[in-house]
């Protein structure tokens, strides 16, 4: 199966990071394909800018949004790890 793990925590020493590592290791050990999207490492901005909204109204999705939509579309399972 294709798994997408959306991870959001600023500290690599956190319990959430341990959960991430355990999850990824267990899935990969069992033959699953895993993609992790670390929102802090990506400097993900969750608020749409006015120009993003205008572009989407015009039928042109901004590249950064399209990229994340593709990860979601390709996943069979999505897991969120966050505080």
PDB file of N, CA and C in Angstrom:
ATOM      1  N   UNK A   1       0.830  -1.189   0.000  1.00  0.00           N
ATOM      2  CA  UNK A   1       0.000   0.000   0.000  1.00  0.00           C
ATOM      3  C   UNK A   1       0.873   1.250   0.000  1.00  0.00           C
ATOM      4  N   UNK A   2       0.327   2.317  -0.557  1.00  0.00           N
ATOM      5  CA  UNK A   2       1.014   3.604  -0.582  1.00  0.00           C
ATOM      6  C   UNK A   2       0.492   4.469   0.567  1.00  0.00           C
ATOM      7  N   UNK A   3       1.382   4.775   1.493  1.00  0.00           N
ATOM      8  CA  UNK A   3       1.034   5.574   2.661  1.00  0.00           C
ATOM      9  C   UNK A   3       1.623   6.973   2.534  1.00  0.00           C
ATOM     10  N   UNK A   4       0.826   7.952   2.899  1.00  0.00           N
ATOM     11  CA  UNK A   4       1.289   9.329   3.026  1.00  0.00           C
ATOM     12  C   UNK A   4       1.204   9.674   4.502  1.00  0.00           C
ATOM     13  N   UNK A   5       2.321  10.085   5.085  1.00  0.00           N
ATOM     14  CA  UNK A   5       2.336  10.528   6.478  1.00  0.00           C
ATOM     15  C   UNK A   5       2.577  12.036   6.473  1.00  0.00           C
ATOM     16  N   UNK A   6       1.606  12.764   6.975  1.00  0.00           N
ATOM     17  CA  UNK A   6       1.719  14.218   7.097  1.00  0.00           C
ATOM     18  C   UNK A   6       2.133  14.482   8.543  1.00  0.00           C
ATOM     19  N   UNK A   7       3.337  15.012   8.693  1.00  0.00           N
ATOM     20  CA  UNK A   7       3.945  15.200  10.008  1.00  0.00           C
ATOM     21  C   UNK A   7       4.162  16.679  10.281  1.00  0.00           C
ATOM     22  N   UNK A   8       3.803  17.107  11.500  1.00  0.00           N
ATOM     23  CA  UNK A   8       3.984  18.517  11.859  1.00  0.00           C
ATOM     24  C   UNK A   8       4.417  18.641  13.312  1.00  0.00           C
ATOM     25  N   UNK A   9       5.698  18.837  13.501  1.00  0.00           N
ATOM     26  CA  UNK A   9       6.232  19.138  14.831  1.00  0.00           C
ATOM     27  C   UNK A   9       7.602  19.768  14.652  1.00  0.00           C
ATOM     28  N   UNK A  10       7.900  20.834  15.402  1.00  0.00           N
ATOM     29  CA  UNK A  10       9.160  21.537  15.187  1.00  0.00           C
ATOM     30  C   UNK A  10      10.398  20.882  15.801  1.00  0.00           C
ATOM     31  N   UNK A  11      10.218  19.898  16.699  1.00  0.00           N
ATOM     32  CA  UNK A  11      11.367  19.355  17.424  1.00  0.00           C
ATOM     33  C   UNK A  11      11.620  17.887  17.088  1.00  0.00           C
ATOM     34  N   UNK A  12      12.836  17.581  16.707  1.00  0.00           N
ATOM     35  CA  UNK A  12      13.189  16.197  16.355  1.00  0.00           C
ATOM     36  C   UNK A  12      13.326  15.300  17.581  1.00  0.00           C
ATOM     37  N   UNK A  13      13.329  15.879  18.771  1.00  0.00           N
ATOM     38  CA  UNK A  13      13.427  15.092  20.004  1.00  0.00           C
ATOM     39  C   UNK A  13      12.055  14.859  20.645  1.00  0.00           C
ATOM     40  N   UNK A  14      10.991  15.162  19.945  1.00  0.00           N
ATOM     41  CA  UNK A  14       9.649  15.083  20.510  1.00  0.00           C
ATOM     42  C   UNK A  14       9.081  13.656  20.471  1.00  0.00           C
ATOM     43  N   UNK A  15       8.047  13.438  21.271  1.00  0.00           N
ATOM     44  CA  UNK A  15       7.310  12.173  21.219  1.00  0.00           C
ATOM     45  C   UNK A  15       6.712  11.988  19.831  1.00  0.00           C
ATOM     46  N   UNK A  16       6.225  13.067  19.242  1.00  0.00           N
ATOM     47  CA  UNK A  16       5.651  12.968  17.896  1.00  0.00           C
ATOM     48  C   UNK A  16       6.675  12.462  16.886  1.00  0.00           C
ATOM     49  N   UNK A  17       7.926  12.894  17.019  1.00  0.00           N
ATOM     50  CA  UNK A  17       8.964  12.421  16.098  1.00  0.00           C
ATOM     51  C   UNK A  17       9.225  10.927  16.310  1.00  0.00           C
ATOM     52  N   UNK A  18       9.191  10.479  17.549  1.00  0.00           N
ATOM     53  CA  UNK A  18       9.340   9.046  17.832  1.00  0.00           C
ATOM     54  C   UNK A  18       8.190   8.255  17.222  1.00  0.00           C
ATOM     55  N   UNK A  19       6.984   8.802  17.311  1.00  0.00           N
ATOM     56  CA  UNK A  19       5.822   8.151  16.691  1.00  0.00           C
ATOM     57  C   UNK A  19       6.017   8.073  15.185  1.00  0.00           C
ATOM     58  N   UNK A  20       6.516   9.147  14.587  1.00  0.00           N
ATOM     59  CA  UNK A  20       6.790   9.157  13.148  1.00  0.00           C
ATOM     60  C   UNK A  20       7.773   8.056  12.778  1.00  0.00           C
ATOM     61  N   UNK A  21       8.903   8.001  13.472  1.00  0.00           N
ATOM     62  CA  UNK A  21       9.926   6.991  13.160  1.00  0.00           C
ATOM     63  C   UNK A  21       9.389   5.580  13.323  1.00  0.00           C
ATOM     64  N   UNK A  22       8.650   5.339  14.398  1.00  0.00           N
ATOM     65  CA  UNK A  22       8.080   4.013  14.641  1.00  0.00           C
ATOM     66  C   UNK A  22       7.096   3.640  13.546  1.00  0.00           C
ATOM     67  N   UNK A  23       6.257   4.578  13.168  1.00  0.00           N
ATOM     68  CA  UNK A  23       5.260   4.342  12.124  1.00  0.00           C
ATOM     69  C   UNK A  23       5.922   4.006  10.793  1.00  0.00           C
ATOM     70  N   UNK A  24       6.876   4.833  10.378  1.00  0.00           N
ATOM     71  CA  UNK A  24       7.556   4.625   9.099  1.00  0.00           C
ATOM     72  C   UNK A  24       8.307   3.290   9.105  1.00  0.00           C
ATOM     73  N   UNK A  25       9.030   2.997  10.175  1.00  0.00           N
ATOM     74  CA  UNK A  25       9.783   1.742  10.250  1.00  0.00           C
ATOM     75  C   UNK A  25       8.868   0.531  10.179  1.00  0.00           C
ATOM     76  N   UNK A  26       7.755   0.563  10.908  1.00  0.00           N
ATOM     77  CA  UNK A  26       6.821  -0.569  10.904  1.00  0.00           C
ATOM     78  C   UNK A  26       6.193  -0.762   9.532  1.00  0.00           C
ATOM     79  N   UNK A  27       5.801   0.327   8.890  1.00  0.00           N
ATOM     80  CA  UNK A  27       5.185   0.214   7.562  1.00  0.00           C
ATOM     81  C   UNK A  27       6.171  -0.326   6.538  1.00  0.00           C
ATOM     82  N   UNK A  28       7.382   0.237   6.529  1.00  0.00           N
ATOM     83  CA  UNK A  28       8.388  -0.208   5.561  1.00  0.00           C
ATOM     84  C   UNK A  28       8.795  -1.661   5.806  1.00  0.00           C
ATOM     85  N   UNK A  29       8.886  -2.056   7.077  1.00  0.00           N
ATOM     86  CA  UNK A  29       9.227  -3.438   7.430  1.00  0.00           C
ATOM     87  C   UNK A  29       8.196  -4.416   6.874  1.00  0.00           C
ATOM     88  N   UNK A  30       6.951  -3.949   6.766  1.00  0.00           N
ATOM     89  CA  UNK A  30       5.869  -4.788   6.254  1.00  0.00           C
ATOM     90  C   UNK A  30       5.621  -4.589   4.762  1.00  0.00           C
ATOM     91  N   UNK A  31       6.575  -3.960   4.077  1.00  0.00           N
ATOM     92  CA  UNK A  31       6.524  -3.865   2.628  1.00  0.00           C
ATOM     93  C   UNK A  31       5.689  -2.741   2.055  1.00  0.00           C
ATOM     94  N   UNK A  32       5.314  -1.788   2.869  1.00  0.00           N
ATOM     95  CA  UNK A  32       4.516  -0.667   2.379  1.00  0.00           C
ATOM     96  C   UNK A  32       5.419   0.446   1.853  1.00  0.00           C
ATOM     97  N   UNK A  33       4.898   1.182   0.907  1.00  0.00           N
ATOM     98  CA  UNK A  33       5.585   2.367   0.388  1.00  0.00           C
ATOM     99  C   UNK A  33       5.157   3.561   1.243  1.00  0.00           C
ATOM    100  N   UNK A  34       6.125   4.327   1.744  1.00  0.00           N
ATOM    101  CA  UNK A  34       5.814   5.431   2.652  1.00  0.00           C
ATOM    102  C   UNK A  34       6.438   6.729   2.149  1.00  0.00           C
ATOM    103  N   UNK A  35       5.617   7.775   2.107  1.00  0.00           N
ATOM    104  CA  UNK A  35       6.083   9.121   1.803  1.00  0.00           C
ATOM    105  C   UNK A  35       5.743   9.984   3.003  1.00  0.00           C
ATOM    106  N   UNK A  36       6.739  10.698   3.518  1.00  0.00           N
ATOM    107  CA  UNK A  36       6.524  11.602   4.652  1.00  0.00           C
ATOM    108  C   UNK A  36       6.605  13.038   4.146  1.00  0.00           C
ATOM    109  N   UNK A  37       5.597  13.823   4.498  1.00  0.00           N
ATOM    110  CA  UNK A  37       5.604  15.256   4.197  1.00  0.00           C
ATOM    111  C   UNK A  37       5.720  15.973   5.538  1.00  0.00           C
ATOM    112  N   UNK A  38       6.921  16.446   5.843  1.00  0.00           N
ATOM    113  CA  UNK A  38       7.215  17.138   7.094  1.00  0.00           C
ATOM    114  C   UNK A  38       6.909  18.619   6.880  1.00  0.00           C
ATOM    115  N   UNK A  39       5.798  19.070   7.434  1.00  0.00           N
ATOM    116  CA  UNK A  39       5.327  20.421   7.158  1.00  0.00           C
ATOM    117  C   UNK A  39       6.277  21.503   7.658  1.00  0.00           C
ATOM    118  N   UNK A  40       6.978  21.250   8.752  1.00  0.00           N
ATOM    119  CA  UNK A  40       7.958  22.232   9.236  1.00  0.00           C
ATOM    120  C   UNK A  40       9.176  22.270   8.316  1.00  0.00           C
ATOM    121  N   UNK A  41       9.660  21.118   7.903  1.00  0.00           N
ATOM    122  CA  UNK A  41      10.823  21.071   7.002  1.00  0.00           C
ATOM    123  C   UNK A  41      10.496  21.710   5.649  1.00  0.00           C
ATOM    124  N   UNK A  42       9.242  21.593   5.234  1.00  0.00           N
ATOM    125  CA  UNK A  42       8.808  22.181   3.962  1.00  0.00           C
ATOM    126  C   UNK A  42       8.492  23.670   4.083  1.00  0.00           C
ATOM    127  N   UNK A  43       8.505  24.190   5.304  1.00  0.00           N
ATOM    128  CA  UNK A  43       8.083  25.562   5.570  1.00  0.00           C
ATOM    129  C   UNK A  43       6.675  25.796   5.022  1.00  0.00           C
ATOM    130  N   UNK A  44       5.822  24.818   5.262  1.00  0.00           N
ATOM    131  CA  UNK A  44       4.448  24.838   4.776  1.00  0.00           C
ATOM    132  C   UNK A  44       3.681  26.026   5.347  1.00  0.00           C
ATOM    133  N   UNK A  45       3.008  26.754   4.478  1.00  0.00           N
ATOM    134  CA  UNK A  45       2.189  27.895   4.867  1.00  0.00           C
ATOM    135  C   UNK A  45       0.721  27.509   4.686  1.00  0.00           C
ATOM    136  N   UNK A  46      -0.021  27.309   5.782  1.00  0.00           N
ATOM    137  CA  UNK A  46      -1.392  26.807   5.674  1.00  0.00           C
ATOM    138  C   UNK A  46      -2.428  27.846   5.243  1.00  0.00           C
ATOM    139  N   UNK A  47      -2.041  29.108   5.207  1.00  0.00           N
ATOM    140  CA  UNK A  47      -2.993  30.159   4.859  1.00  0.00           C
ATOM    141  C   UNK A  47      -2.830  30.518   3.385  1.00  0.00           C
ATOM    142  N   UNK A  48      -3.946  30.457   2.650  1.00  0.00           N
ATOM    143  CA  UNK A  48      -3.896  30.846   1.248  1.00  0.00           C
ATOM    144  C   UNK A  48      -3.702  32.355   1.128  1.00  0.00           C
ATOM    145  N   UNK A  49      -2.825  32.729   0.214  1.00  0.00           N
ATOM    146  CA  UNK A  49      -2.615  34.146  -0.077  1.00  0.00           C
ATOM    147  C   UNK A  49      -3.680  34.587  -1.085  1.00  0.00           C
ATOM    148  N   UNK A  50      -3.991  35.867  -1.127  1.00  0.00           N
ATOM    149  CA  UNK A  50      -4.982  36.343  -2.095  1.00  0.00           C
ATOM    150  C   UNK A  50      -4.644  35.942  -3.532  1.00  0.00           C
ATOM    151  N   UNK A  51      -3.343  35.959  -3.876  1.00  0.00           N
ATOM    152  CA  UNK A  51      -2.971  35.575  -5.243  1.00  0.00           C
ATOM    153  C   UNK A  51      -3.203  34.081  -5.510  1.00  0.00           C
ATOM    154  N   UNK A  52      -3.112  33.248  -4.456  1.00  0.00           N
ATOM    155  CA  UNK A  52      -3.428  31.818  -4.616  1.00  0.00           C
ATOM    156  C   UNK A  52      -4.905  31.638  -4.935  1.00  0.00           C
ATOM    157  N   UNK A  53      -5.730  32.334  -4.170  1.00  0.00           N
ATOM    158  CA  UNK A  53      -7.177  32.236  -4.386  1.00  0.00           C
ATOM    159  C   UNK A  53      -7.553  32.742  -5.775  1.00  0.00           C
ATOM    160  N   UNK A  54      -6.967  33.848  -6.184  1.00  0.00           N
ATOM    161  CA  UNK A  54      -7.254  34.399  -7.516  1.00  0.00           C
ATOM    162  C   UNK A  54      -6.818  33.424  -8.608  1.00  0.00           C
ATOM    163  N   UNK A  55      -5.665  32.816  -8.445  1.00  0.00           N
ATOM    164  CA  UNK A  55      -5.172  31.853  -9.437  1.00  0.00           C
ATOM    165  C   UNK A  55      -6.112  30.657  -9.543  1.00  0.00           C
ATOM    166  N   UNK A  56      -6.564  30.152  -8.398  1.00  0.00           N
ATOM    167  CA  UNK A  56      -7.463  28.989  -8.427  1.00  0.00           C
ATOM    168  C   UNK A  56      -8.809  29.341  -9.042  1.00  0.00           C
ATOM    169  N   UNK A  57      -9.304  30.547  -8.773  1.00  0.00           N
ATOM    170  CA  UNK A  57     -10.553  30.982  -9.409  1.00  0.00           C
ATOM    171  C   UNK A  57     -10.401  31.046 -10.916  1.00  0.00           C
ATOM    172  N   UNK A  58      -9.174  31.334 -11.380  1.00  0.00           N
ATOM    173  CA  UNK A  58      -8.895  31.412 -12.817  1.00  0.00           C
ATOM    174  C   UNK A  58      -8.564  30.035 -13.399  1.00  0.00           C
ATOM    175  N   UNK A  59      -8.629  28.997 -12.553  1.00  0.00           N
ATOM    176  CA  UNK A  59      -8.381  27.643 -13.043  1.00  0.00           C
ATOM    177  C   UNK A  59      -6.926  27.218 -13.043  1.00  0.00           C
ATOM    178  N   UNK A  60      -6.049  27.980 -12.373  1.00  0.00           N
ATOM    179  CA  UNK A  60      -4.626  27.649 -12.343  1.00  0.00           C
ATOM    180  C   UNK A  60      -4.188  27.457 -10.889  1.00  0.00           C
ATOM    181  N   UNK A  61      -4.057  26.211 -10.501  1.00  0.00           N
ATOM    182  CA  UNK A  61      -3.640  25.905  -9.134  1.00  0.00           C
ATOM    183  C   UNK A  61      -2.149  26.182  -8.981  1.00  0.00           C
ATOM    184  N   UNK A  62      -1.743  26.942  -7.952  1.00  0.00           N
ATOM    185  CA  UNK A  62      -0.320  27.200  -7.719  1.00  0.00           C
ATOM    186  C   UNK A  62       0.461  25.890  -7.558  1.00  0.00           C
ATOM    187  N   UNK A  63       1.709  25.895  -8.000  1.00  0.00           N
ATOM    188  CA  UNK A  63       2.529  24.686  -8.012  1.00  0.00           C
ATOM    189  C   UNK A  63       2.672  24.032  -6.644  1.00  0.00           C
ATOM    190  N   UNK A  64       2.857  24.843  -5.586  1.00  0.00           N
ATOM    191  CA  UNK A  64       3.045  24.241  -4.264  1.00  0.00           C
ATOM    192  C   UNK A  64       1.781  23.519  -3.797  1.00  0.00           C
ATOM    193  N   UNK A  65       0.636  24.049  -4.117  1.00  0.00           N
ATOM    194  CA  UNK A  65      -0.631  23.412  -3.755  1.00  0.00           C
ATOM    195  C   UNK A  65      -0.847  22.163  -4.600  1.00  0.00           C
ATOM    196  N   UNK A  66      -0.561  22.265  -5.879  1.00  0.00           N
ATOM    197  CA  UNK A  66      -0.720  21.125  -6.781  1.00  0.00           C
ATOM    198  C   UNK A  66       0.164  19.952  -6.346  1.00  0.00           C
ATOM    199  N   UNK A  67       1.381  20.241  -5.918  1.00  0.00           N
ATOM    200  CA  UNK A  67       2.297  19.196  -5.461  1.00  0.00           C
ATOM    201  C   UNK A  67       1.689  18.417  -4.307  1.00  0.00           C
ATOM    202  N   UNK A  68       1.161  19.128  -3.311  1.00  0.00           N
ATOM    203  CA  UNK A  68       0.580  18.451  -2.150  1.00  0.00           C
ATOM    204  C   UNK A  68      -0.689  17.703  -2.531  1.00  0.00           C
ATOM    205  N   UNK A  69      -1.473  18.238  -3.444  1.00  0.00           N
ATOM    206  CA  UNK A  69      -2.671  17.548  -3.913  1.00  0.00           C
ATOM    207  C   UNK A  69      -2.300  16.227  -4.596  1.00  0.00           C
ATOM    208  N   UNK A  70      -1.186  16.212  -5.324  1.00  0.00           N
ATOM    209  CA  UNK A  70      -0.745  14.991  -5.993  1.00  0.00           C
ATOM    210  C   UNK A  70      -0.342  13.924  -4.976  1.00  0.00           C
ATOM    211  N   UNK A  71       0.368  14.322  -3.920  1.00  0.00           N
ATOM    212  CA  UNK A  71       0.715  13.358  -2.869  1.00  0.00           C
ATOM    213  C   UNK A  71      -0.550  12.755  -2.268  1.00  0.00           C
ATOM    214  N   UNK A  72      -1.545  13.583  -2.013  1.00  0.00           N
ATOM    215  CA  UNK A  72      -2.800  13.099  -1.442  1.00  0.00           C
ATOM    216  C   UNK A  72      -3.513  12.162  -2.412  1.00  0.00           C
ATOM    217  N   UNK A  73      -3.567  12.529  -3.669  1.00  0.00           N
ATOM    218  CA  UNK A  73      -4.250  11.707  -4.673  1.00  0.00           C
ATOM    219  C   UNK A  73      -3.606  10.339  -4.860  1.00  0.00           C
ATOM    220  N   UNK A  74      -2.280  10.279  -4.737  1.00  0.00           N
ATOM    221  CA  UNK A  74      -1.562   9.030  -4.960  1.00  0.00           C
ATOM    222  C   UNK A  74      -1.594   8.092  -3.749  1.00  0.00           C
ATOM    223  N   UNK A  75      -1.934   8.609  -2.581  1.00  0.00           N
ATOM    224  CA  UNK A  75      -1.922   7.808  -1.366  1.00  0.00           C
ATOM    225  C   UNK A  75      -3.171   6.934  -1.259  1.00  0.00           C
ATOM    226  N   UNK A  76      -2.947   5.743  -0.720  1.00  0.00           N
ATOM    227  CA  UNK A  76      -4.075   4.865  -0.396  1.00  0.00           C
ATOM    228  C   UNK A  76      -4.471   5.031   1.071  1.00  0.00           C
ATOM    229  N   UNK A  77      -3.505   5.434   1.882  1.00  0.00           N
ATOM    230  CA  UNK A  77      -3.723   5.666   3.314  1.00  0.00           C
ATOM    231  C   UNK A  77      -3.022   6.965   3.686  1.00  0.00           C
ATOM    232  N   UNK A  78      -3.697   7.807   4.469  1.00  0.00           N
ATOM    233  CA  UNK A  78      -3.103   9.054   4.933  1.00  0.00           C
ATOM    234  C   UNK A  78      -3.122   9.051   6.464  1.00  0.00           C
ATOM    235  N   UNK A  79      -1.968   9.315   7.054  1.00  0.00           N
ATOM    236  CA  UNK A  79      -1.822   9.391   8.502  1.00  0.00           C
ATOM    237  C   UNK A  79      -1.310  10.775   8.870  1.00  0.00           C
ATOM    238  N   UNK A  80      -1.925  11.384   9.858  1.00  0.00           N
ATOM    239  CA  UNK A  80      -1.497  12.685  10.358  1.00  0.00           C
ATOM    240  C   UNK A  80      -0.864  12.499  11.726  1.00  0.00           C
ATOM    241  N   UNK A  81       0.342  13.046  11.904  1.00  0.00           N
ATOM    242  CA  UNK A  81       1.034  13.016  13.207  1.00  0.00           C
ATOM    243  C   UNK A  81       1.354  14.459  13.565  1.00  0.00           C
ATOM    244  N   UNK A  82       0.738  14.927  14.639  1.00  0.00           N
ATOM    245  CA  UNK A  82       0.903  16.308  15.073  1.00  0.00           C
ATOM    246  C   UNK A  82       0.503  16.408  16.547  1.00  0.00           C
ATOM    247  N   UNK A  83       0.894  17.481  17.224  1.00  0.00           N
ATOM    248  CA  UNK A  83       0.521  17.620  18.643  1.00  0.00           C
ATOM    249  C   UNK A  83      -0.978  17.830  18.811  1.00  0.00           C
TER     250      UNK A  83
END
